[in-house]
Amino acid sequence: MSEEHGKFIWTELMTTDRAAAGAFYCAVVGWTTVEMAAFDYTVFETARPEDDGRVGIAGMMSIPPELLAENVPPNWTAYVSVSDCDATVARVEALGGAIRRPPEDIPDIGRFAVIADPHGAVLCIMTPLPMDVPPRAVPATTPGQFGWYELYADDCEAAFAFYADVFGWTVDHDMDMGDLGIYRIFAYDGQAVGGMMARLPQMPKAHWATYITVDRLDDAISRLVAGGGSVVNGPMEVPGPAYIVNAIDPQGAFFSLVASAR
């Protein structure tokens, strides 16, 4: 396997109004946007600390008509790097997962597929084409980066076993959350990158959530509300220490923010 097999490498928003969603996230997070006319695709860019430049951190596209017909709502989906997209798809199916979109090449980018775990939580996988100059690693705690990935699972033990097999993730540690059960923090290459917990009763199905790092949480919440978004949970303090809030953007996509300061 490649050194980056199992690493989160990209995150993508599917929405019903790209212009409005772009303006919202730029205001809340501090991103800027670049339009990729050839792909009908928007790239969110964040600061590149080493030279005061900008670098792509996430993408945005309109929800395709076939998914709108299935009542798929606006949503964020994460991409995980894999050594061999087709082999990973075969492994996902062998372990009881589903393939929502079969492997397909994106010119000059790589080969990707959309998968779902045995309980229906969706992720994208990609085997990127080699890069002449790999991007410099930036700490997840840097504002503008994606700081955490979280799975609301139907069965945490079964879900972790699935992802450990497919991506090689390991247990960092478990936290007892009382009535909410165990929160399992998982690691990629020895570094904690996300957590898994039992899906809450009000959540209709298992799903992944993404956390965007901001500088100060209260300031970001003010921008979020002013921009037409809504808070659904929090703000609250979590181990780290850190502060989080779960929210809905103006088009209806669920997302979360994390900061080291209120």
Protein backbone atom coordinates (compact mmCIF):
# COMPACT_ATOMS: atom_id res chain seq x y z
CA MET A 1 0.00 0.00 0.00
CA SER A 2 1.07 3.59 -0.58
CA GLU A 3 2.21 5.71 2.33
CA GLU A 4 -1.01 7.74 2.13
CA HIS A 5 -3.49 4.84 2.05
CA GLY A 6 -6.19 5.75 4.56
CA LYS A 7 -5.42 9.48 4.72
CA PHE A 8 -8.20 12.08 4.40
CA ILE A 9 -7.16 14.21 1.43
CA TRP A 10 -10.17 16.27 0.24
CA THR A 11 -13.67 17.30 1.22
CA GLU A 12 -16.51 18.22 -1.12
CA LEU A 13 -19.79 20.09 -0.78
CA MET A 14 -22.75 19.24 -2.99
CA THR A 15 -25.29 22.03 -2.84
CA THR A 16 -28.29 23.62 -4.53
CA ASP A 17 -26.80 27.13 -4.80
CA ARG A 18 -23.06 27.30 -5.34
CA ALA A 19 -22.82 31.07 -5.41
CA ALA A 20 -24.67 31.50 -2.11
CA ALA A 21 -22.88 28.60 -0.42
CA GLY A 22 -19.52 29.92 -1.58
CA ALA A 23 -20.22 33.37 -0.14
CA PHE A 24 -21.37 31.81 3.14
CA TYR A 25 -18.29 29.66 3.75
CA CYS A 26 -15.90 32.38 2.63
CA ALA A 27 -17.46 34.71 5.22
CA VAL A 28 -17.58 32.13 8.02
CA VAL A 29 -14.25 30.35 7.51
CA GLY A 30 -12.12 32.84 5.59
CA TRP A 31 -11.81 30.76 2.43
CA THR A 32 -11.74 32.17 -1.09
CA THR A 33 -13.13 30.51 -4.22
CA VAL A 34 -11.78 29.69 -7.66
CA GLU A 35 -14.07 28.51 -10.46
CA MET A 36 -12.97 25.52 -12.56
CA ALA A 37 -14.97 26.19 -15.71
CA ALA A 38 -13.86 23.01 -17.47
CA PHE A 39 -15.36 20.87 -14.69
CA ASP A 40 -18.25 23.15 -13.59
CA TYR A 41 -16.66 22.98 -10.17
CA THR A 42 -15.66 25.43 -7.44
CA VAL A 43 -12.48 25.07 -5.36
CA PHE A 44 -12.31 26.55 -1.88
CA GLU A 45 -8.84 27.88 -1.10
CA THR A 46 -7.25 28.60 2.27
CA ALA A 47 -4.06 30.33 3.36
CA ARG A 48 -0.75 28.61 2.60
CA PRO A 49 1.35 29.48 5.67
CA GLU A 50 4.78 28.96 4.14
CA ASP A 51 4.52 31.75 1.54
CA ASP A 52 1.32 33.75 2.17
CA GLY A 53 -0.25 32.12 -0.88
CA ARG A 54 -3.47 30.14 -1.25
CA VAL A 55 -4.04 26.40 -1.69
CA GLY A 56 -7.10 24.29 -2.48
CA ILE A 57 -8.67 22.71 0.60
CA ALA A 58 -12.13 21.59 -0.59
CA GLY A 59 -14.45 21.53 -3.56
CA MET A 60 -18.04 22.38 -4.34
CA MET A 61 -20.44 21.19 -7.03
CA SER A 62 -24.14 21.37 -7.76
CA ILE A 63 -26.17 18.32 -6.76
CA PRO A 64 -26.60 16.27 -9.96
CA PRO A 65 -30.19 15.96 -11.25
CA GLU A 66 -30.29 12.20 -10.62
CA LEU A 67 -29.47 12.75 -6.94
CA LEU A 68 -31.96 15.61 -6.65
CA ALA A 69 -34.57 13.18 -7.97
CA GLU A 70 -33.65 10.85 -5.08
CA ASN A 71 -34.10 13.75 -2.62
CA VAL A 72 -30.42 13.77 -1.67
CA PRO A 73 -29.95 16.96 0.40
CA PRO A 74 -26.96 19.32 0.32
CA ASN A 75 -24.07 17.61 2.08
CA TRP A 76 -20.34 17.50 2.76
CA THR A 77 -18.45 14.31 1.85
CA ALA A 78 -14.83 13.47 2.66
CA TYR A 79 -12.31 11.76 0.35
CA VAL A 80 -9.84 9.15 1.59
CA SER A 81 -6.68 8.29 -0.34
CA VAL A 82 -6.25 4.63 -1.33
CA SER A 83 -3.43 2.82 -3.09
CA ASP A 84 -5.69 1.11 -5.62
CA CYS A 85 -9.23 2.40 -6.11
CA ASP A 86 -10.52 -0.75 -7.83
CA ALA A 87 -9.00 -3.11 -5.27
CA THR A 88 -10.46 -1.04 -2.43
CA VAL A 89 -13.90 -1.13 -4.04
CA ALA A 90 -13.66 -4.92 -4.21
CA ARG A 91 -12.67 -5.06 -0.53
CA VAL A 92 -15.56 -2.77 0.46
CA GLU A 93 -18.03 -5.07 -1.31
CA ALA A 94 -16.47 -8.19 0.24
CA LEU A 95 -16.96 -6.68 3.71
CA GLY A 96 -20.64 -5.87 3.13
CA GLY A 97 -20.33 -2.26 2.01
CA ALA A 98 -21.92 -0.78 -1.10
CA ILE A 99 -20.61 1.04 -4.15
CA ARG A 100 -22.64 4.19 -4.80
CA ARG A 101 -20.54 5.18 -7.80
CA PRO A 102 -18.10 2.76 -9.47
CA PRO A 103 -14.45 3.67 -10.11
CA GLU A 104 -13.99 6.44 -12.64
CA ASP A 105 -11.02 8.48 -13.84
CA ILE A 106 -10.88 12.25 -13.40
CA PRO A 107 -8.41 13.57 -16.01
CA ASP A 108 -5.17 14.85 -14.48
CA ILE A 109 -6.51 14.21 -10.95
CA GLY A 110 -6.88 10.49 -10.23
CA ARG A 111 -9.33 7.62 -10.03
CA PHE A 112 -12.22 7.80 -7.56
CA ALA A 113 -15.32 5.98 -6.38
CA VAL A 114 -18.13 6.59 -3.90
CA ILE A 115 -18.60 3.92 -1.24
CA ALA A 116 -20.91 3.29 1.70
CA ASP A 117 -20.10 1.23 4.77
CA PRO A 118 -22.42 -1.67 5.74
CA HIS A 119 -24.68 0.78 7.62
CA GLY A 120 -24.94 3.30 4.78
CA ALA A 121 -22.44 6.03 5.78
CA VAL A 122 -20.90 7.47 2.60
CA LEU A 123 -17.28 8.36 1.81
CA CYS A 124 -15.38 8.94 -1.41
CA ILE A 125 -12.10 7.17 -2.13
CA MET A 126 -9.42 8.25 -4.56
CA THR A 127 -6.12 7.06 -5.96
CA PRO A 128 -4.51 10.41 -6.84
CA LEU A 129 -2.10 10.76 -9.72
CA PRO A 130 1.50 11.40 -8.60
CA MET A 131 2.35 15.04 -8.00
CA ASP A 132 5.65 16.66 -8.94
CA VAL A 133 5.64 18.63 -5.69
CA PRO A 134 3.44 17.08 -2.97
CA PRO A 135 1.56 19.63 -0.86
CA ARG A 136 3.18 20.56 2.41
CA ALA A 137 1.51 19.07 5.48
CA VAL A 138 -0.38 21.67 7.53
CA PRO A 139 -1.56 20.98 11.11
CA ALA A 140 -5.29 20.28 11.33
CA THR A 141 -5.51 22.93 14.06
CA THR A 142 -4.65 25.66 11.53
CA PRO A 143 -7.66 27.90 10.72
CA GLY A 144 -9.11 27.01 7.33
CA GLN A 145 -8.12 23.33 7.52
CA PHE A 146 -10.40 20.38 8.15
CA GLY A 147 -9.68 19.56 11.77
CA TRP A 148 -11.68 16.40 12.50
CA TYR A 149 -13.82 13.69 10.88
CA GLU A 150 -16.67 12.05 12.78
CA LEU A 151 -18.83 9.00 12.11
CA TYR A 152 -22.29 8.59 13.61
CA ALA A 153 -22.58 4.81 13.37
CA ASP A 154 -25.30 2.24 13.86
CA ASP A 155 -22.72 -0.10 15.44
CA CYS A 156 -19.40 1.48 16.39
CA GLU A 157 -17.49 -1.77 16.88
CA ALA A 158 -18.63 -3.18 13.54
CA ALA A 159 -18.00 0.15 11.80
CA PHE A 160 -14.51 0.47 13.20
CA ALA A 161 -13.66 -3.10 12.17
CA PHE A 162 -14.80 -2.30 8.63
CA TYR A 163 -12.74 0.88 8.32
CA ALA A 164 -9.71 -0.64 10.02
CA ASP A 165 -9.73 -3.39 7.39
CA VAL A 166 -10.32 -1.06 4.43
CA PHE A 167 -8.09 1.88 5.41
CA GLY A 168 -5.77 0.51 8.11
CA TRP A 169 -7.01 2.94 10.77
CA THR A 170 -6.10 2.12 14.37
CA VAL A 171 -7.61 2.86 17.78
CA ASP A 172 -6.10 5.90 19.46
CA HIS A 173 -8.29 5.64 22.58
CA ASP A 174 -11.89 5.33 23.74
CA MET A 175 -13.81 7.87 25.82
CA ASP A 176 -16.85 6.98 27.93
CA MET A 177 -19.60 9.54 27.25
CA GLY A 178 -22.09 8.10 29.73
CA ASP A 179 -25.57 7.75 28.24
CA LEU A 180 -24.17 8.48 24.77
CA GLY A 181 -21.88 5.45 24.94
CA ILE A 182 -18.26 5.12 23.88
CA TYR A 183 -16.57 7.66 21.64
CA ARG A 184 -13.79 5.91 19.74
CA ILE A 185 -10.96 8.12 18.53
CA PHE A 186 -9.18 6.58 15.56
CA ALA A 187 -5.77 7.31 14.09
CA TYR A 188 -4.10 7.41 10.70
CA ASP A 189 -0.34 6.84 10.74
CA GLY A 190 -0.30 7.21 14.52
CA GLN A 191 -2.10 10.58 14.53
CA ALA A 192 -5.66 10.95 15.85
CA VAL A 193 -7.81 12.28 12.98
CA GLY A 194 -11.42 11.49 13.91
CA GLY A 195 -13.96 9.77 16.10
CA MET A 196 -16.86 7.35 15.94
CA MET A 197 -19.94 7.27 18.15
CA ALA A 198 -23.41 5.74 18.17
CA ARG A 199 -25.89 7.54 15.94
CA LEU A 200 -28.28 9.70 17.94
CA PRO A 201 -32.01 8.84 17.76
CA GLN A 202 -32.85 12.08 15.92
CA MET A 203 -30.41 11.24 13.12
CA PRO A 204 -32.18 9.38 10.29
CA LYS A 205 -29.18 7.28 9.24
CA ALA A 206 -25.48 6.63 9.77
CA HIS A 207 -23.30 9.35 8.28
CA TRP A 208 -19.94 11.09 8.34
CA ALA A 209 -19.49 14.69 9.51
CA THR A 210 -16.61 17.10 8.93
CA TYR A 211 -15.18 19.79 11.21
CA ILE A 212 -13.63 22.98 9.83
CA THR A 213 -11.04 24.73 12.00
CA VAL A 214 -11.60 28.43 12.75
CA ASP A 215 -9.63 30.89 14.86
CA ARG A 216 -12.21 31.77 17.55
CA LEU A 217 -15.48 29.86 17.78
CA ASP A 218 -17.78 32.61 19.05
CA ASP A 219 -16.71 34.98 16.28
CA ALA A 220 -17.30 32.27 13.67
CA ILE A 221 -20.74 31.50 15.11
CA SER A 222 -21.66 35.18 14.81
CA ARG A 223 -20.64 35.13 11.14
CA LEU A 224 -22.50 31.85 10.63
CA VAL A 225 -25.77 33.21 12.00
CA ALA A 226 -25.39 36.54 10.18
CA GLY A 227 -24.92 34.61 6.94
CA GLY A 228 -28.17 32.68 7.31
CA GLY A 229 -26.87 29.47 8.88
CA SER A 230 -28.22 27.96 12.09
CA VAL A 231 -26.70 26.28 15.14
CA VAL A 232 -28.12 22.85 15.95
CA ASN A 233 -25.82 21.84 18.82
CA GLY A 234 -23.34 23.71 20.99
CA PRO A 235 -21.10 25.52 21.39
CA MET A 236 -19.44 23.11 23.79
CA GLU A 237 -16.00 22.28 25.13
CA VAL A 238 -14.42 18.95 24.20
CA PRO A 239 -11.14 17.29 25.21
CA GLY A 240 -8.10 18.96 23.72
CA PRO A 241 -9.14 21.38 25.01
CA ALA A 242 -11.17 22.60 22.05
CA TYR A 243 -14.58 24.10 21.33
CA ILE A 244 -17.08 22.86 18.74
CA VAL A 245 -20.44 23.71 17.26
CA ASN A 246 -22.67 21.71 14.90
CA ALA A 247 -24.56 23.76 12.34
CA ILE A 248 -26.61 23.86 9.14
CA ASP A 249 -25.66 26.13 6.24
CA PRO A 250 -28.31 28.23 4.44
CA GLN A 251 -28.86 25.51 1.81
CA GLY A 252 -29.28 22.75 4.43
CA ALA A 253 -25.87 21.04 4.55
CA PHE A 254 -24.73 19.86 7.99
CA PHE A 255 -21.23 20.92 9.03
CA SER A 256 -19.24 21.59 12.19
CA LEU A 257 -16.64 24.07 13.37
CA VAL A 258 -13.79 23.51 15.81
CA ALA A 259 -11.46 26.02 17.48
CA SER A 260 -8.89 26.09 20.24
CA ALA A 261 -10.44 29.25 21.69
CA ARG A 262 -13.95 30.58 22.29
